[in-house]
Amino acid sequence: MVDAHGAFVKAVADLGGTITGGGVLQPTTTATSIRSGEVTDGPFVETKEAFGGFYLVEARDLDHALEIAKLTPAPFGGVEVRPLMDVNAGPAQ
């Protein structure tokens, strides 16, 4: 998997994208959740798939981001693409 992700990083650059951040998460068994102010052990939701890590990629547009995302090694699940929210922009008009 390390080699696969190394190849992914190279492919992103070859496509003109930029990885600006990322990380690997510990398993969901290490999660602590807060719901309505109450702290509990375990993940926020029960699901078959878990968020295992992330890449923060700068892409030209959604189509470019999807082209990059299709290359992401994810043999045990899928890949989700989301834009960042610009919290400095104020409320949506």
PDB file of N, CA and C in Angstrom:
ATOM      1  N   MET A   1       0.820  -1.199   0.000  1.00  0.00           N
ATOM      2  CA  MET A   1       0.000   0.000   0.000  1.00  0.00           C
ATOM      3  C   MET A   1       0.861   1.260   0.000  1.00  0.00           C
ATOM      4  N   VAL A   2       1.990   1.233   0.685  1.00  0.00           N
ATOM      5  CA  VAL A   2       2.863   2.410   0.712  1.00  0.00           C
ATOM      6  C   VAL A   2       3.340   2.731  -0.698  1.00  0.00           C
ATOM      7  N   ASP A   3       3.739   1.704  -1.458  1.00  0.00           N
ATOM      8  CA  ASP A   3       4.174   1.921  -2.839  1.00  0.00           C
ATOM      9  C   ASP A   3       3.034   2.457  -3.703  1.00  0.00           C
ATOM     10  N   ALA A   4       1.825   1.932  -3.492  1.00  0.00           N
ATOM     11  CA  ALA A   4       0.665   2.377  -4.265  1.00  0.00           C
ATOM     12  C   ALA A   4       0.371   3.853  -4.003  1.00  0.00           C
ATOM     13  N   HIS A   5       0.477   4.266  -2.755  1.00  0.00           N
ATOM     14  CA  HIS A   5       0.218   5.671  -2.439  1.00  0.00           C
ATOM     15  C   HIS A   5       1.349   6.563  -2.926  1.00  0.00           C
ATOM     16  N   GLY A   6       2.566   6.052  -2.937  1.00  0.00           N
ATOM     17  CA  GLY A   6       3.680   6.810  -3.522  1.00  0.00           C
ATOM     18  C   GLY A   6       3.458   7.056  -5.002  1.00  0.00           C
ATOM     19  N   ALA A   7       2.971   6.020  -5.701  1.00  0.00           N
ATOM     20  CA  ALA A   7       2.665   6.154  -7.131  1.00  0.00           C
ATOM     21  C   ALA A   7       1.520   7.147  -7.336  1.00  0.00           C
ATOM     22  N   PHE A   8       0.546   7.135  -6.425  1.00  0.00           N
ATOM     23  CA  PHE A   8      -0.569   8.080  -6.505  1.00  0.00           C
ATOM     24  C   PHE A   8      -0.068   9.520  -6.398  1.00  0.00           C
ATOM     25  N   VAL A   9       0.823   9.787  -5.457  1.00  0.00           N
ATOM     26  CA  VAL A   9       1.373  11.133  -5.273  1.00  0.00           C
ATOM     27  C   VAL A   9       2.048  11.603  -6.559  1.00  0.00           C
ATOM     28  N   LYS A  10       2.798  10.724  -7.198  1.00  0.00           N
ATOM     29  CA  LYS A  10       3.450  11.060  -8.463  1.00  0.00           C
ATOM     30  C   LYS A  10       2.417  11.319  -9.557  1.00  0.00           C
ATOM     31  N   ALA A  11       1.385  10.483  -9.618  1.00  0.00           N
ATOM     32  CA  ALA A  11       0.351  10.638 -10.647  1.00  0.00           C
ATOM     33  C   ALA A  11      -0.392  11.961 -10.497  1.00  0.00           C
ATOM     34  N   VAL A  12      -0.638  12.382  -9.263  1.00  0.00           N
ATOM     35  CA  VAL A  12      -1.305  13.674  -9.027  1.00  0.00           C
ATOM     36  C   VAL A  12      -0.468  14.799  -9.629  1.00  0.00           C
ATOM     37  N   ALA A  13       0.826  14.772  -9.367  1.00  0.00           N
ATOM     38  CA  ALA A  13       1.710  15.807  -9.924  1.00  0.00           C
ATOM     39  C   ALA A  13       1.740  15.734 -11.444  1.00  0.00           C
ATOM     40  N   ASP A  14       1.766  14.524 -12.001  1.00  0.00           N
ATOM     41  CA  ASP A  14       1.771  14.361 -13.458  1.00  0.00           C
ATOM     42  C   ASP A  14       0.505  14.928 -14.099  1.00  0.00           C
ATOM     43  N   LEU A  15      -0.612  14.904 -13.357  1.00  0.00           N
ATOM     44  CA  LEU A  15      -1.879  15.442 -13.863  1.00  0.00           C
ATOM     45  C   LEU A  15      -2.016  16.940 -13.623  1.00  0.00           C
ATOM     46  N   GLY A  16      -1.033  17.531 -12.963  1.00  0.00           N
ATOM     47  CA  GLY A  16      -1.088  18.966 -12.704  1.00  0.00           C
ATOM     48  C   GLY A  16      -1.778  19.333 -11.412  1.00  0.00           C
ATOM     49  N   GLY A  17      -2.059  18.354 -10.570  1.00  0.00           N
ATOM     50  CA  GLY A  17      -2.655  18.630  -9.268  1.00  0.00           C
ATOM     51  C   GLY A  17      -1.565  18.812  -8.230  1.00  0.00           C
ATOM     52  N   THR A  18      -1.953  19.263  -7.054  1.00  0.00           N
ATOM     53  CA  THR A  18      -1.021  19.468  -5.965  1.00  0.00           C
ATOM     54  C   THR A  18      -1.606  18.890  -4.684  1.00  0.00           C
ATOM     55  N   ILE A  19      -0.876  18.000  -4.039  1.00  0.00           N
ATOM     56  CA  ILE A  19      -1.302  17.508  -2.732  1.00  0.00           C
ATOM     57  C   ILE A  19      -0.796  18.510  -1.704  1.00  0.00           C
ATOM     58  N   THR A  20      -1.732  19.121  -0.977  1.00  0.00           N
ATOM     59  CA  THR A  20      -1.364  20.150  -0.018  1.00  0.00           C
ATOM     60  C   THR A  20      -1.421  19.660   1.421  1.00  0.00           C
ATOM     61  N   GLY A  21      -1.832  18.425   1.617  1.00  0.00           N
ATOM     62  CA  GLY A  21      -1.901  17.855   2.963  1.00  0.00           C
ATOM     63  C   GLY A  21      -2.485  16.468   2.907  1.00  0.00           C
ATOM     64  N   GLY A  22      -2.517  15.814   4.029  1.00  0.00           N
ATOM     65  CA  GLY A  22      -3.087  14.478   4.107  1.00  0.00           C
ATOM     66  C   GLY A  22      -2.669  13.808   5.391  1.00  0.00           C
ATOM     67  N   GLY A  23      -3.183  12.619   5.601  1.00  0.00           N
ATOM     68  CA  GLY A  23      -2.826  11.876   6.794  1.00  0.00           C
ATOM     69  C   GLY A  23      -3.515  10.543   6.848  1.00  0.00           C
ATOM     70  N   VAL A  24      -3.010   9.676   7.703  1.00  0.00           N
ATOM     71  CA  VAL A  24      -3.587   8.352   7.931  1.00  0.00           C
ATOM     72  C   VAL A  24      -4.210   8.380   9.318  1.00  0.00           C
ATOM     73  N   LEU A  25      -5.410   7.855   9.434  1.00  0.00           N
ATOM     74  CA  LEU A  25      -6.098   7.847  10.718  1.00  0.00           C
ATOM     75  C   LEU A  25      -5.950   6.500  11.404  1.00  0.00           C
ATOM     76  N   GLN A  26      -6.002   6.502  12.720  1.00  0.00           N
ATOM     77  CA  GLN A  26      -6.026   5.265  13.492  1.00  0.00           C
ATOM     78  C   GLN A  26      -7.368   4.571  13.230  1.00  0.00           C
ATOM     79  N   PRO A  27      -7.490   3.273  13.527  1.00  0.00           N
ATOM     80  CA  PRO A  27      -8.764   2.569  13.303  1.00  0.00           C
ATOM     81  C   PRO A  27      -9.913   3.191  14.100  1.00  0.00           C
ATOM     82  N   THR A  28     -11.128   2.919  13.679  1.00  0.00           N
ATOM     83  CA  THR A  28     -12.306   3.483  14.353  1.00  0.00           C
ATOM     84  C   THR A  28     -12.393   3.046  15.811  1.00  0.00           C
ATOM     85  N   THR A  29     -11.746   1.940  16.170  1.00  0.00           N
ATOM     86  CA  THR A  29     -11.769   1.481  17.561  1.00  0.00           C
ATOM     87  C   THR A  29     -11.082   2.474  18.489  1.00  0.00           C
ATOM     88  N   THR A  30     -10.291   3.400  17.951  1.00  0.00           N
ATOM     89  CA  THR A  30      -9.615   4.400  18.779  1.00  0.00           C
ATOM     90  C   THR A  30     -10.415   5.697  18.869  1.00  0.00           C
ATOM     91  N   ALA A  31     -11.555   5.764  18.194  1.00  0.00           N
ATOM     92  CA  ALA A  31     -12.332   7.006  18.115  1.00  0.00           C
ATOM     93  C   ALA A  31     -13.033   7.329  19.425  1.00  0.00           C
ATOM     94  N   THR A  32     -13.201   8.595  19.663  1.00  0.00           N
ATOM     95  CA  THR A  32     -14.032   9.120  20.740  1.00  0.00           C
ATOM     96  C   THR A  32     -14.976  10.119  20.094  1.00  0.00           C
ATOM     97  N   SER A  33     -16.250  10.031  20.425  1.00  0.00           N
ATOM     98  CA  SER A  33     -17.253  10.894  19.807  1.00  0.00           C
ATOM     99  C   SER A  33     -17.925  11.772  20.854  1.00  0.00           C
ATOM    100  N   ILE A  34     -18.415  12.904  20.395  1.00  0.00           N
ATOM    101  CA  ILE A  34     -19.196  13.791  21.252  1.00  0.00           C
ATOM    102  C   ILE A  34     -20.536  14.000  20.562  1.00  0.00           C
ATOM    103  N   ARG A  35     -21.600  13.633  21.266  1.00  0.00           N
ATOM    104  CA  ARG A  35     -22.956  13.812  20.746  1.00  0.00           C
ATOM    105  C   ARG A  35     -23.763  14.559  21.799  1.00  0.00           C
ATOM    106  N   SER A  36     -24.305  15.685  21.419  1.00  0.00           N
ATOM    107  CA  SER A  36     -25.102  16.499  22.350  1.00  0.00           C
ATOM    108  C   SER A  36     -24.338  16.773  23.641  1.00  0.00           C
ATOM    109  N   GLY A  37     -23.041  16.995  23.529  1.00  0.00           N
ATOM    110  CA  GLY A  37     -22.222  17.313  24.693  1.00  0.00           C
ATOM    111  C   GLY A  37     -21.754  16.115  25.498  1.00  0.00           C
ATOM    112  N   GLU A  38     -22.204  14.909  25.152  1.00  0.00           N
ATOM    113  CA  GLU A  38     -21.814  13.698  25.885  1.00  0.00           C
ATOM    114  C   GLU A  38     -20.696  12.980  25.144  1.00  0.00           C
ATOM    115  N   VAL A  39     -19.615  12.679  25.854  1.00  0.00           N
ATOM    116  CA  VAL A  39     -18.455  12.003  25.276  1.00  0.00           C
ATOM    117  C   VAL A  39     -18.628  10.494  25.412  1.00  0.00           C
ATOM    118  N   THR A  40     -18.450   9.775  24.298  1.00  0.00           N
ATOM    119  CA  THR A  40     -18.547   8.308  24.313  1.00  0.00           C
ATOM    120  C   THR A  40     -17.388   7.722  23.525  1.00  0.00           C
ATOM    121  N   ASP A  41     -17.016   6.505  23.863  1.00  0.00           N
ATOM    122  CA  ASP A  41     -16.005   5.795  23.095  1.00  0.00           C
ATOM    123  C   ASP A  41     -16.621   5.306  21.802  1.00  0.00           C
ATOM    124  N   GLY A  42     -15.807   5.230  20.766  1.00  0.00           N
ATOM    125  CA  GLY A  42     -16.262   4.662  19.506  1.00  0.00           C
ATOM    126  C   GLY A  42     -16.507   5.708  18.447  1.00  0.00           C
ATOM    127  N   PRO A  43     -16.701   5.228  17.222  1.00  0.00           N
ATOM    128  CA  PRO A  43     -16.890   6.135  16.085  1.00  0.00           C
ATOM    129  C   PRO A  43     -18.235   6.841  16.147  1.00  0.00           C
ATOM    130  N   PHE A  44     -18.331   7.913  15.379  1.00  0.00           N
ATOM    131  CA  PHE A  44     -19.543   8.721  15.353  1.00  0.00           C
ATOM    132  C   PHE A  44     -20.739   7.952  14.802  1.00  0.00           C
ATOM    133  N   VAL A  45     -20.543   7.201  13.730  1.00  0.00           N
ATOM    134  CA  VAL A  45     -21.642   6.427  13.135  1.00  0.00           C
ATOM    135  C   VAL A  45     -21.195   4.985  12.953  1.00  0.00           C
ATOM    136  N   GLU A  46     -22.143   4.084  12.996  1.00  0.00           N
ATOM    137  CA  GLU A  46     -21.857   2.682  12.702  1.00  0.00           C
ATOM    138  C   GLU A  46     -21.970   2.502  11.199  1.00  0.00           C
ATOM    139  N   THR A  47     -20.944   1.982  10.588  1.00  0.00           N
ATOM    140  CA  THR A  47     -20.927   1.824   9.142  1.00  0.00           C
ATOM    141  C   THR A  47     -20.006   0.682   8.766  1.00  0.00           C
ATOM    142  N   LYS A  48     -20.192   0.144   7.585  1.00  0.00           N
ATOM    143  CA  LYS A  48     -19.327  -0.929   7.099  1.00  0.00           C
ATOM    144  C   LYS A  48     -17.975  -0.386   6.668  1.00  0.00           C
ATOM    145  N   GLU A  49     -17.952   0.856   6.208  1.00  0.00           N
ATOM    146  CA  GLU A  49     -16.712   1.479   5.764  1.00  0.00           C
ATOM    147  C   GLU A  49     -16.315   2.567   6.755  1.00  0.00           C
ATOM    148  N   ALA A  50     -15.030   2.764   6.899  1.00  0.00           N
ATOM    149  CA  ALA A  50     -14.533   3.785   7.808  1.00  0.00           C
ATOM    150  C   ALA A  50     -13.585   4.704   7.058  1.00  0.00           C
ATOM    151  N   PHE A  51     -13.559   5.945   7.462  1.00  0.00           N
ATOM    152  CA  PHE A  51     -12.664   6.948   6.907  1.00  0.00           C
ATOM    153  C   PHE A  51     -11.261   6.616   7.401  1.00  0.00           C
ATOM    154  N   GLY A  52     -10.392   6.141   6.500  1.00  0.00           N
ATOM    155  CA  GLY A  52      -9.074   5.680   6.910  1.00  0.00           C
ATOM    156  C   GLY A  52      -7.987   6.718   6.793  1.00  0.00           C
ATOM    157  N   GLY A  53      -8.202   7.734   6.009  1.00  0.00           N
ATOM    158  CA  GLY A  53      -7.198   8.765   5.820  1.00  0.00           C
ATOM    159  C   GLY A  53      -7.701   9.762   4.803  1.00  0.00           C
ATOM    160  N   PHE A  54      -6.861  10.725   4.484  1.00  0.00           N
ATOM    161  CA  PHE A  54      -7.307  11.728   3.526  1.00  0.00           C
ATOM    162  C   PHE A  54      -6.122  12.345   2.810  1.00  0.00           C
ATOM    163  N   TYR A  55      -6.404  12.850   1.646  1.00  0.00           N
ATOM    164  CA  TYR A  55      -5.493  13.706   0.898  1.00  0.00           C
ATOM    165  C   TYR A  55      -6.213  15.021   0.685  1.00  0.00           C
ATOM    166  N   LEU A  56      -5.519  16.108   0.859  1.00  0.00           N
ATOM    167  CA  LEU A  56      -6.034  17.422   0.521  1.00  0.00           C
ATOM    168  C   LEU A  56      -5.350  17.805  -0.780  1.00  0.00           C
ATOM    169  N   VAL A  57      -6.137  17.881  -1.851  1.00  0.00           N
ATOM    170  CA  VAL A  57      -5.589  18.077  -3.196  1.00  0.00           C
ATOM    171  C   VAL A  57      -6.110  19.374  -3.783  1.00  0.00           C
ATOM    172  N   GLU A  58      -5.214  20.160  -4.335  1.00  0.00           N
ATOM    173  CA  GLU A  58      -5.626  21.354  -5.061  1.00  0.00           C
ATOM    174  C   GLU A  58      -5.804  20.967  -6.518  1.00  0.00           C
ATOM    175  N   ALA A  59      -7.009  21.146  -7.024  1.00  0.00           N
ATOM    176  CA  ALA A  59      -7.338  20.801  -8.407  1.00  0.00           C
ATOM    177  C   ALA A  59      -7.973  22.008  -9.087  1.00  0.00           C
ATOM    178  N   ARG A  60      -7.949  22.007 -10.417  1.00  0.00           N
ATOM    179  CA  ARG A  60      -8.509  23.135 -11.182  1.00  0.00           C
ATOM    180  C   ARG A  60     -10.010  23.279 -10.977  1.00  0.00           C
ATOM    181  N   ASP A  61     -10.704  22.141 -10.952  1.00  0.00           N
ATOM    182  CA  ASP A  61     -12.152  22.141 -10.830  1.00  0.00           C
ATOM    183  C   ASP A  61     -12.596  20.740 -10.410  1.00  0.00           C
ATOM    184  N   LEU A  62     -13.910  20.530 -10.312  1.00  0.00           N
ATOM    185  CA  LEU A  62     -14.420  19.233  -9.864  1.00  0.00           C
ATOM    186  C   LEU A  62     -14.014  18.104 -10.808  1.00  0.00           C
ATOM    187  N   ASP A  63     -14.080  18.340 -12.107  1.00  0.00           N
ATOM    188  CA  ASP A  63     -13.694  17.294 -13.060  1.00  0.00           C
ATOM    189  C   ASP A  63     -12.239  16.872 -12.860  1.00  0.00           C
ATOM    190  N   HIS A  64     -11.368  17.831 -12.637  1.00  0.00           N
ATOM    191  CA  HIS A  64      -9.955  17.542 -12.392  1.00  0.00           C
ATOM    192  C   HIS A  64      -9.802  16.767 -11.077  1.00  0.00           C
ATOM    193  N   ALA A  65     -10.544  17.174 -10.036  1.00  0.00           N
ATOM    194  CA  ALA A  65     -10.485  16.478  -8.748  1.00  0.00           C
ATOM    195  C   ALA A  65     -10.955  15.032  -8.890  1.00  0.00           C
ATOM    196  N   LEU A  66     -11.999  14.806  -9.685  1.00  0.00           N
ATOM    197  CA  LEU A  66     -12.505  13.442  -9.886  1.00  0.00           C
ATOM    198  C   LEU A  66     -11.513  12.594 -10.675  1.00  0.00           C
ATOM    199  N   GLU A  67     -10.857  13.189 -11.652  1.00  0.00           N
ATOM    200  CA  GLU A  67      -9.832  12.487 -12.415  1.00  0.00           C
ATOM    201  C   GLU A  67      -8.709  12.027 -11.481  1.00  0.00           C
ATOM    202  N   ILE A  68      -8.304  12.890 -10.577  1.00  0.00           N
ATOM    203  CA  ILE A  68      -7.275  12.549  -9.599  1.00  0.00           C
ATOM    204  C   ILE A  68      -7.784  11.492  -8.628  1.00  0.00           C
ATOM    205  N   ALA A  69      -9.000  11.666  -8.128  1.00  0.00           N
ATOM    206  CA  ALA A  69      -9.556  10.747  -7.131  1.00  0.00           C
ATOM    207  C   ALA A  69      -9.662   9.318  -7.652  1.00  0.00           C
ATOM    208  N   LYS A  70      -9.920   9.163  -8.931  1.00  0.00           N
ATOM    209  CA  LYS A  70     -10.025   7.817  -9.515  1.00  0.00           C
ATOM    210  C   LYS A  70      -8.721   7.038  -9.412  1.00  0.00           C
ATOM    211  N   LEU A  71      -7.613   7.742  -9.209  1.00  0.00           N
ATOM    212  CA  LEU A  71      -6.303   7.097  -9.103  1.00  0.00           C
ATOM    213  C   LEU A  71      -5.954   6.696  -7.673  1.00  0.00           C
ATOM    214  N   THR A  72      -6.734   7.149  -6.703  1.00  0.00           N
ATOM    215  CA  THR A  72      -6.424   6.898  -5.300  1.00  0.00           C
ATOM    216  C   THR A  72      -6.510   5.415  -4.974  1.00  0.00           C
ATOM    217  N   PRO A  73      -5.457   4.830  -4.398  1.00  0.00           N
ATOM    218  CA  PRO A  73      -5.531   3.432  -3.977  1.00  0.00           C
ATOM    219  C   PRO A  73      -6.528   3.291  -2.829  1.00  0.00           C
ATOM    220  N   ALA A  74      -7.575   2.533  -3.030  1.00  0.00           N
ATOM    221  CA  ALA A  74      -8.589   2.318  -1.996  1.00  0.00           C
ATOM    222  C   ALA A  74      -9.139   0.903  -2.131  1.00  0.00           C
ATOM    223  N   PRO A  75      -8.296  -0.123  -1.914  1.00  0.00           N
ATOM    224  CA  PRO A  75      -8.735  -1.496  -2.148  1.00  0.00           C
ATOM    225  C   PRO A  75      -9.794  -2.000  -1.181  1.00  0.00           C
ATOM    226  N   PHE A  76      -9.993  -1.317  -0.058  1.00  0.00           N
ATOM    227  CA  PHE A  76     -10.942  -1.794   0.946  1.00  0.00           C
ATOM    228  C   PHE A  76     -12.162  -0.898   1.070  1.00  0.00           C
ATOM    229  N   GLY A  77     -12.387  -0.016   0.114  1.00  0.00           N
ATOM    230  CA  GLY A  77     -13.515   0.899   0.201  1.00  0.00           C
ATOM    231  C   GLY A  77     -13.525   1.833  -0.980  1.00  0.00           C
ATOM    232  N   GLY A  78     -14.089   2.991  -0.801  1.00  0.00           N
ATOM    233  CA  GLY A  78     -14.218   3.958  -1.881  1.00  0.00           C
ATOM    234  C   GLY A  78     -13.471   5.232  -1.587  1.00  0.00           C
ATOM    235  N   VAL A  79     -13.675   6.195  -2.447  1.00  0.00           N
ATOM    236  CA  VAL A  79     -13.037   7.507  -2.321  1.00  0.00           C
ATOM    237  C   VAL A  79     -14.148   8.550  -2.371  1.00  0.00           C
ATOM    238  N   GLU A  80     -14.094   9.489  -1.468  1.00  0.00           N
ATOM    239  CA  GLU A  80     -15.077  10.567  -1.432  1.00  0.00           C
ATOM    240  C   GLU A  80     -14.381  11.867  -1.780  1.00  0.00           C
ATOM    241  N   VAL A  81     -15.005  12.672  -2.619  1.00  0.00           N
ATOM    242  CA  VAL A  81     -14.456  13.964  -3.022  1.00  0.00           C
ATOM    243  C   VAL A  81     -15.364  15.049  -2.472  1.00  0.00           C
ATOM    244  N   ARG A  82     -14.766  15.990  -1.757  1.00  0.00           N
ATOM    245  CA  ARG A  82     -15.531  17.111  -1.204  1.00  0.00           C
ATOM    246  C   ARG A  82     -14.722  18.388  -1.328  1.00  0.00           C
ATOM    247  N   PRO A  83     -15.371  19.503  -1.626  1.00  0.00           N
ATOM    248  CA  PRO A  83     -14.663  20.783  -1.601  1.00  0.00           C
ATOM    249  C   PRO A  83     -14.508  21.245  -0.151  1.00  0.00           C
ATOM    250  N   LEU A  84     -13.517  22.071   0.074  1.00  0.00           N
ATOM    251  CA  LEU A  84     -13.377  22.707   1.378  1.00  0.00           C
ATOM    252  C   LEU A  84     -14.380  23.841   1.486  1.00  0.00           C
ATOM    253  N   MET A  85     -14.861  24.076   2.675  1.00  0.00           N
ATOM    254  CA  MET A  85     -15.748  25.205   2.918  1.00  0.00           C
ATOM    255  C   MET A  85     -14.889  26.418   3.240  1.00  0.00           C
ATOM    256  N   ASP A  86     -15.151  27.518   2.581  1.00  0.00           N
ATOM    257  CA  ASP A  86     -14.427  28.754   2.848  1.00  0.00           C
ATOM    258  C   ASP A  86     -15.137  29.455   3.999  1.00  0.00           C
ATOM    259  N   VAL A  87     -14.628  29.260   5.202  1.00  0.00           N
ATOM    260  CA  VAL A  87     -15.286  29.821   6.389  1.00  0.00           C
ATOM    261  C   VAL A  87     -15.078  31.330   6.507  1.00  0.00           C
ATOM    262  N   ASN A  88     -14.168  31.874   5.695  1.00  0.00           N
ATOM    263  CA  ASN A  88     -13.928  33.316   5.729  1.00  0.00           C
ATOM    264  C   ASN A  88     -14.805  34.075   4.735  1.00  0.00           C
ATOM    265  N   ALA A  89     -15.542  33.356   3.901  1.00  0.00           N
ATOM    266  CA  ALA A  89     -16.349  33.993   2.855  1.00  0.00           C
ATOM    267  C   ALA A  89     -17.674  34.532   3.370  1.00  0.00           C
ATOM    268  N   GLY A  90     -18.070  34.129   4.571  1.00  0.00           N
ATOM    269  CA  GLY A  90     -19.356  34.571   5.104  1.00  0.00           C
ATOM    270  C   GLY A  90     -20.475  33.679   4.599  1.00  0.00           C
ATOM    271  N   PRO A  91     -21.698  33.986   4.949  1.00  0.00           N
ATOM    272  CA  PRO A  91     -22.842  33.163   4.556  1.00  0.00           C
ATOM    273  C   PRO A  91     -23.021  33.110   3.040  1.00  0.00           C
ATOM    274  N   ALA A  92     -23.499  31.991   2.546  1.00  0.00           N
ATOM    275  CA  ALA A  92     -23.785  31.842   1.101  1.00  0.00           C
ATOM    276  C   ALA A  92     -24.889  32.794   0.713  1.00  0.00           C
ATOM    277  N   GLN A  93     -24.750  33.380  -0.437  1.00  0.00           N
ATOM    278  CA  GLN A  93     -25.757  34.329  -0.936  1.00  0.00           C
ATOM    279  C   GLN A  93     -26.804  33.613  -1.757  1.00  0.00           C
TER     280      GLN A  93
END
